[in-house]
Amino acid sequence: MALERLLAEIRACRACAGELPHAPRPVVQVAPQTRLLICGQAPGRRVHESGMPFTDPSGDRLRDWLGVDYARFYADPRIGVAAMAFCYPGTAPGGGDYPPPPRCAALWRPRLLAELKDVELTLLVGGYAQKWALRERAKPSMTATVAAWREYLPDGLLPMPHPSWRNTAWLRRNPWFEAEVAPYLRQKVAAILAA
């Protein structure tokens, strides 16, 4: 199957070897049945260590927004995760991770997305994913793009903030996200997984 061959290529990728502060370990979780695709930025340190996406506190918040538990998140092939970069980019001075290297998206995203034919909703988690997917349709800021979330729904796209603890202050300043967007997302995910 073409998707299985492509995933094997991705998992064997060493394009950034020598540029990362560690050995590459691509993390991606998709299947032919994927209907909900989560496109974040890049794996963090804990995800690099576990080899599974969102095995960190941001994953707990994301699963709460989705209305799914840990077991279902990893066991249901209709839920897929393919970040903008598949390897942990390392921690920047002063904390926080480096941005996802653009090379990864250029190498893999068009081919991978072409193989995921049943995706109904793509979550654009964070500014990097939003700028890549929306191009000129992205607003001047991540906040403005997320605030315009309804505008992108006809295309099966939903921009979101990253669920990292670093965005807790953003969530407090923008209570409309958890009041409006998160309930819509839970309802939509429940409908996708019930079908």
N, C-alpha and C. Protein backbone atom coordinates (compact mmCIF):
# COMPACT_ATOMS: atom_id res chain seq x y z
N MET A 1 0.84 -1.19 0.00
CA MET A 1 0.00 0.00 0.00
C MET A 1 0.88 1.25 0.00
N ALA A 2 0.48 2.25 -0.75
CA ALA A 2 1.29 3.45 -0.93
C ALA A 2 1.53 4.19 0.38
N LEU A 3 0.49 4.30 1.24
CA LEU A 3 0.65 5.01 2.50
C LEU A 3 1.64 4.29 3.40
N GLU A 4 1.58 2.99 3.46
CA GLU A 4 2.52 2.23 4.30
C GLU A 4 3.95 2.43 3.82
N ARG A 5 4.15 2.42 2.52
CA ARG A 5 5.50 2.65 1.98
C ARG A 5 5.99 4.06 2.32
N LEU A 6 5.09 5.04 2.19
CA LEU A 6 5.46 6.41 2.49
C LEU A 6 5.79 6.58 3.97
N LEU A 7 5.01 5.97 4.85
CA LEU A 7 5.28 6.07 6.28
C LEU A 7 6.62 5.42 6.62
N ALA A 8 6.94 4.33 5.96
CA ALA A 8 8.24 3.70 6.18
C ALA A 8 9.37 4.65 5.76
N GLU A 9 9.18 5.36 4.65
CA GLU A 9 10.18 6.33 4.20
C GLU A 9 10.33 7.46 5.22
N ILE A 10 9.20 7.96 5.70
CA ILE A 10 9.23 9.06 6.67
C ILE A 10 9.95 8.61 7.94
N ARG A 11 9.62 7.44 8.43
CA ARG A 11 10.23 6.97 9.68
C ARG A 11 11.72 6.68 9.52
N ALA A 12 12.15 6.46 8.30
CA ALA A 12 13.58 6.21 8.04
C ALA A 12 14.32 7.51 7.68
N CYS A 13 13.62 8.62 7.58
CA CYS A 13 14.23 9.87 7.15
C CYS A 13 15.32 10.33 8.11
N ARG A 14 16.44 10.73 7.54
CA ARG A 14 17.55 11.29 8.31
C ARG A 14 18.04 12.58 7.67
N ALA A 15 17.14 13.29 6.99
CA ALA A 15 17.52 14.50 6.26
C ALA A 15 18.13 15.57 7.16
N CYS A 16 17.73 15.61 8.42
CA CYS A 16 18.24 16.63 9.34
C CYS A 16 19.34 16.09 10.25
N ALA A 17 19.81 14.88 10.00
CA ALA A 17 20.88 14.33 10.83
C ALA A 17 22.09 15.27 10.80
N GLY A 18 22.65 15.52 11.95
CA GLY A 18 23.78 16.43 12.04
C GLY A 18 23.36 17.87 12.28
N GLU A 19 22.11 18.21 11.99
CA GLU A 19 21.61 19.56 12.24
C GLU A 19 20.81 19.64 13.53
N LEU A 20 20.33 18.50 14.00
CA LEU A 20 19.57 18.44 15.24
C LEU A 20 20.53 18.10 16.39
N PRO A 21 20.16 18.46 17.62
CA PRO A 21 21.03 18.15 18.76
C PRO A 21 20.92 16.70 19.23
N HIS A 22 20.31 15.85 18.42
CA HIS A 22 20.08 14.45 18.76
C HIS A 22 19.84 13.69 17.46
N ALA A 23 19.74 12.38 17.54
CA ALA A 23 19.44 11.59 16.34
C ALA A 23 17.99 11.81 15.92
N PRO A 24 17.72 11.91 14.62
CA PRO A 24 16.33 12.06 14.17
C PRO A 24 15.48 10.86 14.61
N ARG A 25 14.24 11.16 15.00
CA ARG A 25 13.28 10.12 15.34
C ARG A 25 11.91 10.62 14.88
N PRO A 26 11.59 10.45 13.60
CA PRO A 26 10.31 10.95 13.09
C PRO A 26 9.11 10.33 13.81
N VAL A 27 8.17 11.19 14.18
CA VAL A 27 6.95 10.75 14.86
C VAL A 27 5.76 11.17 14.01
N VAL A 28 4.98 10.20 13.57
CA VAL A 28 3.78 10.45 12.78
C VAL A 28 2.80 9.32 13.07
N GLN A 29 1.52 9.65 13.14
CA GLN A 29 0.49 8.65 13.44
C GLN A 29 -0.70 8.88 12.50
N VAL A 30 -0.72 8.18 11.39
CA VAL A 30 -1.84 8.27 10.45
C VAL A 30 -2.13 6.87 9.91
N ALA A 31 -3.30 6.73 9.33
CA ALA A 31 -3.73 5.46 8.74
C ALA A 31 -4.64 5.78 7.56
N PRO A 32 -4.92 4.80 6.72
CA PRO A 32 -5.85 5.06 5.60
C PRO A 32 -7.22 5.53 6.08
N GLN A 33 -7.60 5.16 7.30
CA GLN A 33 -8.91 5.52 7.84
C GLN A 33 -8.94 6.90 8.48
N THR A 34 -7.82 7.62 8.53
CA THR A 34 -7.77 8.91 9.22
C THR A 34 -8.82 9.86 8.65
N ARG A 35 -9.64 10.38 9.57
CA ARG A 35 -10.67 11.35 9.21
C ARG A 35 -10.49 12.69 9.92
N LEU A 36 -9.82 12.64 11.08
CA LEU A 36 -9.47 13.84 11.83
C LEU A 36 -7.95 13.91 11.83
N LEU A 37 -7.39 14.95 11.22
CA LEU A 37 -5.95 15.08 11.11
C LEU A 37 -5.49 16.27 11.95
N ILE A 38 -4.57 16.01 12.87
CA ILE A 38 -4.05 17.03 13.76
C ILE A 38 -2.66 17.42 13.26
N CYS A 39 -2.53 18.67 12.83
CA CYS A 39 -1.25 19.18 12.31
C CYS A 39 -0.70 20.19 13.29
N GLY A 40 0.23 19.75 14.11
CA GLY A 40 0.88 20.64 15.06
C GLY A 40 2.17 21.20 14.48
N GLN A 41 3.09 21.54 15.38
CA GLN A 41 4.34 22.17 14.94
C GLN A 41 5.44 21.14 14.76
N ALA A 42 5.86 20.53 15.86
CA ALA A 42 6.90 19.51 15.84
C ALA A 42 6.86 18.80 17.18
N PRO A 43 7.34 17.58 17.25
CA PRO A 43 7.35 16.89 18.54
C PRO A 43 8.21 17.62 19.56
N GLY A 44 7.81 17.52 20.82
CA GLY A 44 8.62 18.04 21.91
C GLY A 44 9.55 16.94 22.42
N ARG A 45 10.30 17.27 23.46
CA ARG A 45 11.28 16.32 24.00
C ARG A 45 10.62 15.03 24.47
N ARG A 46 9.51 15.14 25.19
CA ARG A 46 8.85 13.93 25.70
C ARG A 46 8.33 13.06 24.56
N VAL A 47 7.81 13.68 23.53
CA VAL A 47 7.32 12.93 22.37
C VAL A 47 8.49 12.26 21.65
N HIS A 48 9.61 12.97 21.55
CA HIS A 48 10.81 12.39 20.95
C HIS A 48 11.21 11.12 21.72
N GLU A 49 11.12 11.18 23.03
CA GLU A 49 11.51 10.03 23.85
C GLU A 49 10.51 8.88 23.75
N SER A 50 9.22 9.20 23.71
CA SER A 50 8.19 8.15 23.68
C SER A 50 7.97 7.58 22.28
N GLY A 51 8.21 8.42 21.25
CA GLY A 51 7.93 7.99 19.88
C GLY A 51 6.46 8.04 19.52
N MET A 52 5.65 8.65 20.39
CA MET A 52 4.21 8.77 20.16
C MET A 52 3.81 10.24 20.28
N PRO A 53 2.91 10.74 19.41
CA PRO A 53 2.56 12.16 19.45
C PRO A 53 1.76 12.54 20.69
N PHE A 54 2.00 13.73 21.19
CA PHE A 54 1.24 14.33 22.28
C PHE A 54 1.24 13.51 23.57
N THR A 55 2.36 12.87 23.89
CA THR A 55 2.49 12.18 25.18
C THR A 55 3.13 13.13 26.18
N ASP A 56 2.47 14.25 26.39
CA ASP A 56 2.96 15.29 27.29
C ASP A 56 1.75 16.09 27.78
N PRO A 57 1.93 17.06 28.67
CA PRO A 57 0.78 17.83 29.17
C PRO A 57 -0.03 18.51 28.07
N SER A 58 0.62 18.94 26.98
CA SER A 58 -0.15 19.56 25.90
C SER A 58 -1.11 18.54 25.29
N GLY A 59 -0.71 17.28 25.27
CA GLY A 59 -1.60 16.23 24.78
C GLY A 59 -2.83 16.06 25.66
N ASP A 60 -2.64 16.22 26.97
CA ASP A 60 -3.79 16.13 27.88
C ASP A 60 -4.81 17.23 27.57
N ARG A 61 -4.30 18.44 27.37
CA ARG A 61 -5.20 19.56 27.05
C ARG A 61 -5.85 19.35 25.68
N LEU A 62 -5.08 18.89 24.70
CA LEU A 62 -5.63 18.64 23.38
C LEU A 62 -6.75 17.60 23.44
N ARG A 63 -6.51 16.50 24.14
CA ARG A 63 -7.54 15.45 24.23
C ARG A 63 -8.79 15.97 24.92
N ASP A 64 -8.62 16.88 25.89
CA ASP A 64 -9.78 17.50 26.53
C ASP A 64 -10.56 18.33 25.51
N TRP A 65 -9.84 19.11 24.70
CA TRP A 65 -10.52 19.90 23.67
C TRP A 65 -11.25 19.00 22.68
N LEU A 66 -10.66 17.84 22.37
CA LEU A 66 -11.27 16.92 21.41
C LEU A 66 -12.42 16.12 22.00
N GLY A 67 -12.41 15.96 23.33
CA GLY A 67 -13.41 15.12 23.98
C GLY A 67 -13.13 13.64 23.81
N VAL A 68 -11.85 13.27 23.71
CA VAL A 68 -11.48 11.85 23.60
C VAL A 68 -10.48 11.52 24.70
N ASP A 69 -10.49 10.27 25.14
CA ASP A 69 -9.55 9.87 26.17
C ASP A 69 -8.25 9.37 25.56
N TYR A 70 -7.29 9.10 26.44
CA TYR A 70 -5.94 8.70 26.02
C TYR A 70 -5.98 7.45 25.16
N ALA A 71 -6.73 6.44 25.61
CA ALA A 71 -6.77 5.16 24.89
C ALA A 71 -7.32 5.34 23.48
N ARG A 72 -8.39 6.07 23.35
CA ARG A 72 -9.00 6.25 22.03
C ARG A 72 -8.11 7.08 21.11
N PHE A 73 -7.45 8.09 21.68
CA PHE A 73 -6.59 8.95 20.89
C PHE A 73 -5.53 8.14 20.15
N TYR A 74 -4.99 7.13 20.80
CA TYR A 74 -3.92 6.33 20.20
C TYR A 74 -4.42 5.09 19.47
N ALA A 75 -5.61 4.62 19.80
CA ALA A 75 -6.09 3.36 19.22
C ALA A 75 -7.00 3.54 18.02
N ASP A 76 -7.65 4.68 17.91
CA ASP A 76 -8.63 4.87 16.83
C ASP A 76 -7.92 5.35 15.57
N PRO A 77 -7.90 4.55 14.50
CA PRO A 77 -7.18 4.96 13.28
C PRO A 77 -7.81 6.15 12.56
N ARG A 78 -8.99 6.57 13.00
CA ARG A 78 -9.62 7.74 12.39
C ARG A 78 -9.01 9.04 12.90
N ILE A 79 -8.20 8.96 13.97
CA ILE A 79 -7.50 10.13 14.51
C ILE A 79 -6.05 10.05 14.07
N GLY A 80 -5.59 11.04 13.34
CA GLY A 80 -4.22 11.06 12.85
C GLY A 80 -3.47 12.30 13.31
N VAL A 81 -2.16 12.16 13.44
CA VAL A 81 -1.30 13.28 13.84
C VAL A 81 -0.12 13.34 12.89
N ALA A 82 0.04 14.48 12.23
CA ALA A 82 1.18 14.70 11.33
C ALA A 82 1.60 16.16 11.46
N ALA A 83 2.62 16.39 12.27
CA ALA A 83 3.08 17.76 12.54
C ALA A 83 3.79 18.35 11.32
N MET A 84 4.09 19.63 11.40
CA MET A 84 4.81 20.30 10.32
C MET A 84 6.22 19.75 10.16
N ALA A 85 6.81 19.31 11.26
CA ALA A 85 8.10 18.61 11.24
C ALA A 85 7.92 17.37 12.10
N PHE A 86 8.51 16.27 11.68
CA PHE A 86 8.29 15.00 12.38
C PHE A 86 9.30 14.72 13.48
N CYS A 87 10.38 15.50 13.54
CA CYS A 87 11.41 15.29 14.55
C CYS A 87 11.47 16.47 15.51
N TYR A 88 11.83 16.18 16.75
CA TYR A 88 12.03 17.20 17.77
C TYR A 88 13.16 18.13 17.34
N PRO A 89 12.90 19.44 17.23
CA PRO A 89 13.93 20.36 16.75
C PRO A 89 14.92 20.80 17.81
N GLY A 90 14.69 20.45 19.08
CA GLY A 90 15.58 20.86 20.16
C GLY A 90 15.03 22.07 20.90
N THR A 91 15.61 22.33 22.04
CA THR A 91 15.16 23.44 22.89
C THR A 91 16.01 24.67 22.64
N ALA A 92 15.34 25.78 22.45
CA ALA A 92 16.02 27.05 22.18
C ALA A 92 16.54 27.65 23.49
N PRO A 93 17.55 28.48 23.43
CA PRO A 93 18.03 29.16 24.64
C PRO A 93 16.88 29.97 25.26
N GLY A 94 16.76 29.89 26.56
CA GLY A 94 15.68 30.62 27.22
C GLY A 94 14.39 29.83 27.32
N GLY A 95 14.37 28.60 26.84
CA GLY A 95 13.17 27.76 26.95
C GLY A 95 12.35 27.78 25.68
N GLY A 96 11.47 26.83 25.58
CA GLY A 96 10.68 26.68 24.36
C GLY A 96 11.49 25.95 23.30
N ASP A 97 10.80 25.29 22.42
CA ASP A 97 11.48 24.54 21.37
C ASP A 97 11.77 25.42 20.16
N TYR A 98 12.77 25.03 19.40
CA TYR A 98 13.02 25.69 18.13
C TYR A 98 11.83 25.48 17.21
N PRO A 99 11.64 26.36 16.22
CA PRO A 99 10.54 26.16 15.27
C PRO A 99 10.77 24.92 14.41
N PRO A 100 9.71 24.40 13.81
CA PRO A 100 9.88 23.23 12.95
C PRO A 100 10.71 23.59 11.72
N PRO A 101 11.72 22.79 11.38
CA PRO A 101 12.50 23.07 10.17
C PRO A 101 11.61 22.97 8.92
N PRO A 102 11.59 23.99 8.06
CA PRO A 102 10.74 23.95 6.87
C PRO A 102 11.04 22.79 5.94
N ARG A 103 12.27 22.28 5.98
CA ARG A 103 12.66 21.18 5.09
C ARG A 103 11.72 19.99 5.23
N CYS A 104 11.29 19.69 6.45
CA CYS A 104 10.45 18.51 6.67
C CYS A 104 9.12 18.63 5.93
N ALA A 105 8.46 19.77 6.06
CA ALA A 105 7.19 19.96 5.36
C ALA A 105 7.38 19.88 3.85
N ALA A 106 8.46 20.48 3.35
CA ALA A 106 8.72 20.45 1.91
C ALA A 106 8.95 19.02 1.42
N LEU A 107 9.66 18.23 2.21
CA LEU A 107 9.95 16.85 1.82
C LEU A 107 8.73 15.94 1.84
N TRP A 108 7.87 16.11 2.85
CA TRP A 108 6.88 15.07 3.12
C TRP A 108 5.42 15.47 3.05
N ARG A 109 5.05 16.71 3.37
CA ARG A 109 3.62 17.02 3.52
C ARG A 109 2.79 16.82 2.25
N PRO A 110 3.21 17.31 1.11
CA PRO A 110 2.35 17.11 -0.07
C PRO A 110 2.07 15.64 -0.36
N ARG A 111 3.10 14.81 -0.27
CA ARG A 111 2.91 13.37 -0.53
C ARG A 111 2.03 12.72 0.52
N LEU A 112 2.24 13.09 1.79
CA LEU A 112 1.46 12.47 2.86
C LEU A 112 -0.01 12.88 2.77
N LEU A 113 -0.27 14.16 2.60
CA LEU A 113 -1.66 14.62 2.53
C LEU A 113 -2.38 14.02 1.33
N ALA A 114 -1.68 13.80 0.23
CA ALA A 114 -2.29 13.19 -0.96
C ALA A 114 -2.75 11.77 -0.69
N GLU A 115 -2.11 11.09 0.26
CA GLU A 115 -2.48 9.71 0.59
C GLU A 115 -3.61 9.62 1.61
N LEU A 116 -3.91 10.71 2.29
CA LEU A 116 -4.96 10.71 3.32
C LEU A 116 -6.25 11.22 2.68
N LYS A 117 -6.95 10.31 2.06
CA LYS A 117 -8.08 10.68 1.20
C LYS A 117 -9.41 10.86 1.93
N ASP A 118 -9.51 10.42 3.20
CA ASP A 118 -10.78 10.48 3.91
C ASP A 118 -10.82 11.52 5.01
N VAL A 119 -9.85 12.44 5.03
CA VAL A 119 -9.81 13.45 6.09
C VAL A 119 -10.99 14.42 5.93
N GLU A 120 -11.76 14.57 6.99
CA GLU A 120 -12.90 15.49 7.00
C GLU A 120 -12.55 16.82 7.66
N LEU A 121 -11.70 16.74 8.70
CA LEU A 121 -11.35 17.94 9.44
C LEU A 121 -9.86 17.90 9.76
N THR A 122 -9.17 19.01 9.45
CA THR A 122 -7.76 19.16 9.76
C THR A 122 -7.61 20.27 10.79
N LEU A 123 -7.02 19.95 11.92
CA LEU A 123 -6.76 20.94 12.95
C LEU A 123 -5.39 21.56 12.70
N LEU A 124 -5.36 22.86 12.52
CA LEU A 124 -4.12 23.60 12.28
C LEU A 124 -3.68 24.18 13.62
N VAL A 125 -2.81 23.45 14.29
CA VAL A 125 -2.44 23.74 15.67
C VAL A 125 -1.19 24.62 15.70
N GLY A 126 -1.39 25.90 15.96
CA GLY A 126 -0.27 26.83 16.04
C GLY A 126 -0.03 27.57 14.74
N GLY A 127 0.74 28.64 14.85
CA GLY A 127 0.98 29.54 13.72
C GLY A 127 1.69 28.91 12.54
N TYR A 128 2.64 28.01 12.78
CA TYR A 128 3.38 27.42 11.66
C TYR A 128 2.46 26.58 10.78
N ALA A 129 1.64 25.77 11.39
CA ALA A 129 0.70 24.94 10.62
C ALA A 129 -0.31 25.82 9.89
N GLN A 130 -0.75 26.89 10.53
CA GLN A 130 -1.74 27.78 9.91
C GLN A 130 -1.14 28.49 8.70
N LYS A 131 0.07 29.00 8.84
CA LYS A 131 0.69 29.71 7.71
C LYS A 131 0.95 28.77 6.55
N TRP A 132 1.36 27.54 6.85
CA TRP A 132 1.65 26.59 5.77
C TRP A 132 0.38 26.22 5.02
N ALA A 133 -0.68 25.92 5.75
CA ALA A 133 -1.91 25.43 5.11
C ALA A 133 -2.74 26.56 4.50
N LEU A 134 -2.78 27.70 5.17
CA LEU A 134 -3.67 28.77 4.73
C LEU A 134 -3.01 29.76 3.78
N ARG A 135 -1.66 29.79 3.77
CA ARG A 135 -0.92 30.71 2.91
C ARG A 135 -1.42 32.15 3.09
N GLU A 136 -1.84 32.79 2.01
CA GLU A 136 -2.26 34.19 2.08
C GLU A 136 -3.59 34.37 2.80
N ARG A 137 -4.31 33.28 3.05
CA ARG A 137 -5.58 33.38 3.79
C ARG A 137 -5.37 33.49 5.29
N ALA A 138 -4.16 33.21 5.79
CA ALA A 138 -3.87 33.37 7.21
C ALA A 138 -3.93 34.86 7.56
N LYS A 139 -4.39 35.15 8.73
CA LYS A 139 -4.47 36.54 9.21
C LYS A 139 -3.08 36.97 9.70
N PRO A 140 -2.93 38.25 10.05
CA PRO A 140 -1.62 38.75 10.47
C PRO A 140 -1.06 38.10 11.74
N SER A 141 -1.93 37.52 12.56
CA SER A 141 -1.46 36.88 13.80
C SER A 141 -2.19 35.56 13.99
N MET A 142 -1.61 34.70 14.84
CA MET A 142 -2.27 33.43 15.17
C MET A 142 -3.62 33.71 15.83
N THR A 143 -3.67 34.69 16.71
CA THR A 143 -4.93 35.01 17.40
C THR A 143 -6.00 35.41 16.40
N ALA A 144 -5.66 36.25 15.45
CA ALA A 144 -6.64 36.69 14.44
C ALA A 144 -7.08 35.52 13.57
N THR A 145 -6.16 34.63 13.25
CA THR A 145 -6.50 33.47 12.42
C THR A 145 -7.46 32.55 13.18
N VAL A 146 -7.17 32.29 14.44
CA VAL A 146 -8.05 31.42 15.24
C VAL A 146 -9.40 32.09 15.44
N ALA A 147 -9.41 33.41 15.65
CA ALA A 147 -10.68 34.13 15.84
C ALA A 147 -11.57 34.04 14.60
N ALA A 148 -10.96 33.84 13.43
CA ALA A 148 -11.71 33.72 12.18
C ALA A 148 -11.98 32.26 11.83
N TRP A 149 -12.00 31.38 12.81
CA TRP A 149 -12.08 29.94 12.59
C TRP A 149 -13.24 29.51 11.71
N ARG A 150 -14.39 30.17 11.83
CA ARG A 150 -15.56 29.77 11.03
C ARG A 150 -15.32 29.95 9.52
N GLU A 151 -14.47 30.89 9.20
CA GLU A 151 -14.15 31.20 7.81
C GLU A 151 -13.51 30.01 7.08
N TYR A 152 -12.80 29.16 7.83
CA TYR A 152 -12.04 28.06 7.23
C TYR A 152 -12.77 26.72 7.27
N LEU A 153 -13.87 26.67 8.00
CA LEU A 153 -14.59 25.40 8.15
C LEU A 153 -15.09 24.82 6.82
N PRO A 154 -15.56 25.64 5.87
CA PRO A 154 -16.01 25.03 4.60
C PRO A 154 -14.92 24.23 3.89
N ASP A 155 -13.65 24.54 4.18
CA ASP A 155 -12.54 23.81 3.58
C ASP A 155 -12.06 22.66 4.48
N GLY A 156 -12.80 22.41 5.56
CA GLY A 156 -12.41 21.32 6.46
C GLY A 156 -11.19 21.65 7.31
N LEU A 157 -10.98 22.94 7.58
CA LEU A 157 -9.82 23.38 8.35
C LEU A 157 -10.27 24.12 9.59
N LEU A 158 -9.59 23.86 10.71
CA LEU A 158 -9.91 24.56 11.95
C LEU A 158 -8.60 25.01 12.61
N PRO A 159 -8.29 26.32 12.55
CA PRO A 159 -7.10 26.83 13.22
C PRO A 159 -7.30 26.88 14.73
N MET A 160 -6.24 26.52 15.46
CA MET A 160 -6.30 26.47 16.92
C MET A 160 -4.97 26.96 17.50
N PRO A 161 -5.00 27.39 18.76
CA PRO A 161 -3.72 27.66 19.42
C PRO A 161 -3.07 26.32 19.78
N HIS A 162 -1.80 26.34 20.04
CA HIS A 162 -1.15 25.12 20.51
C HIS A 162 -1.63 24.86 21.94
N PRO A 163 -1.87 23.61 22.31
CA PRO A 163 -2.36 23.33 23.67
C PRO A 163 -1.28 23.35 24.75
N SER A 164 -0.10 23.82 24.43
CA SER A 164 1.00 23.88 25.39
C SER A 164 0.64 24.71 26.62
N TRP A 165 1.24 24.36 27.76
CA TRP A 165 1.06 25.15 28.98
C TRP A 165 1.52 26.59 28.76
N ARG A 166 2.42 26.79 27.80
CA ARG A 166 2.90 28.14 27.52
C ARG A 166 1.79 29.03 26.99
N ASN A 167 0.69 28.45 26.52
CA ASN A 167 -0.43 29.24 26.01
C ASN A 167 -1.55 29.41 27.03
N THR A 168 -1.31 29.05 28.28
CA THR A 168 -2.33 29.22 29.32
C THR A 168 -2.74 30.69 29.45
N ALA A 169 -1.78 31.59 29.41
CA ALA A 169 -2.10 33.02 29.50
C ALA A 169 -2.92 33.46 28.28
N TRP A 170 -2.58 32.92 27.08
CA TRP A 170 -3.35 33.24 25.87
C TRP A 170 -4.80 32.79 26.05
N LEU A 171 -5.00 31.61 26.60
CA LEU A 171 -6.36 31.10 26.80
C LEU A 171 -7.13 31.97 27.79
N ARG A 172 -6.45 32.48 28.81
CA ARG A 172 -7.13 33.38 29.77
C ARG A 172 -7.51 34.69 29.10
N ARG A 173 -6.65 35.18 28.20
CA ARG A 173 -6.94 36.45 27.50
C ARG A 173 -8.00 36.28 26.41
N ASN A 174 -8.19 35.05 25.95
CA ASN A 174 -9.12 34.77 24.85
C ASN A 174 -10.11 33.68 25.26
N PRO A 175 -10.97 33.98 26.25
CA PRO A 175 -11.88 32.95 26.76
C PRO A 175 -12.87 32.44 25.72
N TRP A 176 -13.06 33.17 24.64
CA TRP A 176 -13.97 32.74 23.58
C TRP A 176 -13.53 31.42 22.96
N PHE A 177 -12.22 31.11 23.02
CA PHE A 177 -11.77 29.85 22.41
C PHE A 177 -12.40 28.66 23.14
N GLU A 178 -12.27 28.62 24.46
CA GLU A 178 -12.82 27.48 25.19
C GLU A 178 -14.34 27.57 25.33
N ALA A 179 -14.90 28.76 25.15
CA ALA A 179 -16.36 28.92 25.23
C ALA A 179 -17.05 28.59 23.91
N GLU A 180 -16.39 28.83 22.78
CA GLU A 180 -17.03 28.65 21.47
C GLU A 180 -16.37 27.57 20.61
N VAL A 181 -15.05 27.65 20.47
CA VAL A 181 -14.36 26.75 19.55
C VAL A 181 -14.26 25.33 20.11
N ALA A 182 -13.84 25.21 21.37
CA ALA A 182 -13.68 23.87 21.95
C ALA A 182 -15.00 23.07 21.96
N PRO A 183 -16.14 23.67 22.33
CA PRO A 183 -17.40 22.90 22.26
C PRO A 183 -17.74 22.47 20.82
N TYR A 184 -17.52 23.37 19.86
CA TYR A 184 -17.75 23.00 18.46
C TYR A 184 -16.86 21.82 18.08
N LEU A 185 -15.59 21.90 18.48
CA LEU A 185 -14.64 20.85 18.13
C LEU A 185 -15.06 19.51 18.74
N ARG A 186 -15.45 19.51 20.02
CA ARG A 186 -15.90 18.25 20.65
C ARG A 186 -17.08 17.65 19.90
N GLN A 187 -18.03 18.50 19.53
CA GLN A 187 -19.21 18.02 18.81
C GLN A 187 -18.83 17.45 17.44
N LYS A 188 -17.95 18.12 16.75
CA LYS A 188 -17.53 17.69 15.42
C LYS A 188 -16.76 16.39 15.52
N VAL A 189 -15.86 16.28 16.48
CA VAL A 189 -15.07 15.05 16.64
C VAL A 189 -15.99 13.89 16.98
N ALA A 190 -16.96 14.13 17.87
CA ALA A 190 -17.90 13.06 18.22
C ALA A 190 -18.67 12.58 16.99
N ALA A 191 -19.06 13.52 16.12
CA ALA A 191 -19.78 13.14 14.89
C ALA A 191 -18.88 12.35 13.95
N ILE A 192 -17.62 12.76 13.81
CA ILE A 192 -16.68 12.06 12.94
C ILE A 192 -16.46 10.64 13.43
N LEU A 193 -16.29 10.49 14.74
CA LEU A 193 -15.98 9.17 15.29
C LEU A 193 -17.21 8.29 15.42
N ALA A 194 -18.39 8.89 15.36
CA ALA A 194 -19.62 8.09 15.45
C ALA A 194 -20.03 7.54 14.09
N ALA A 195 -19.57 8.18 13.02
CA ALA A 195 -19.99 7.79 11.66
C ALA A 195 -19.44 6.42 11.31
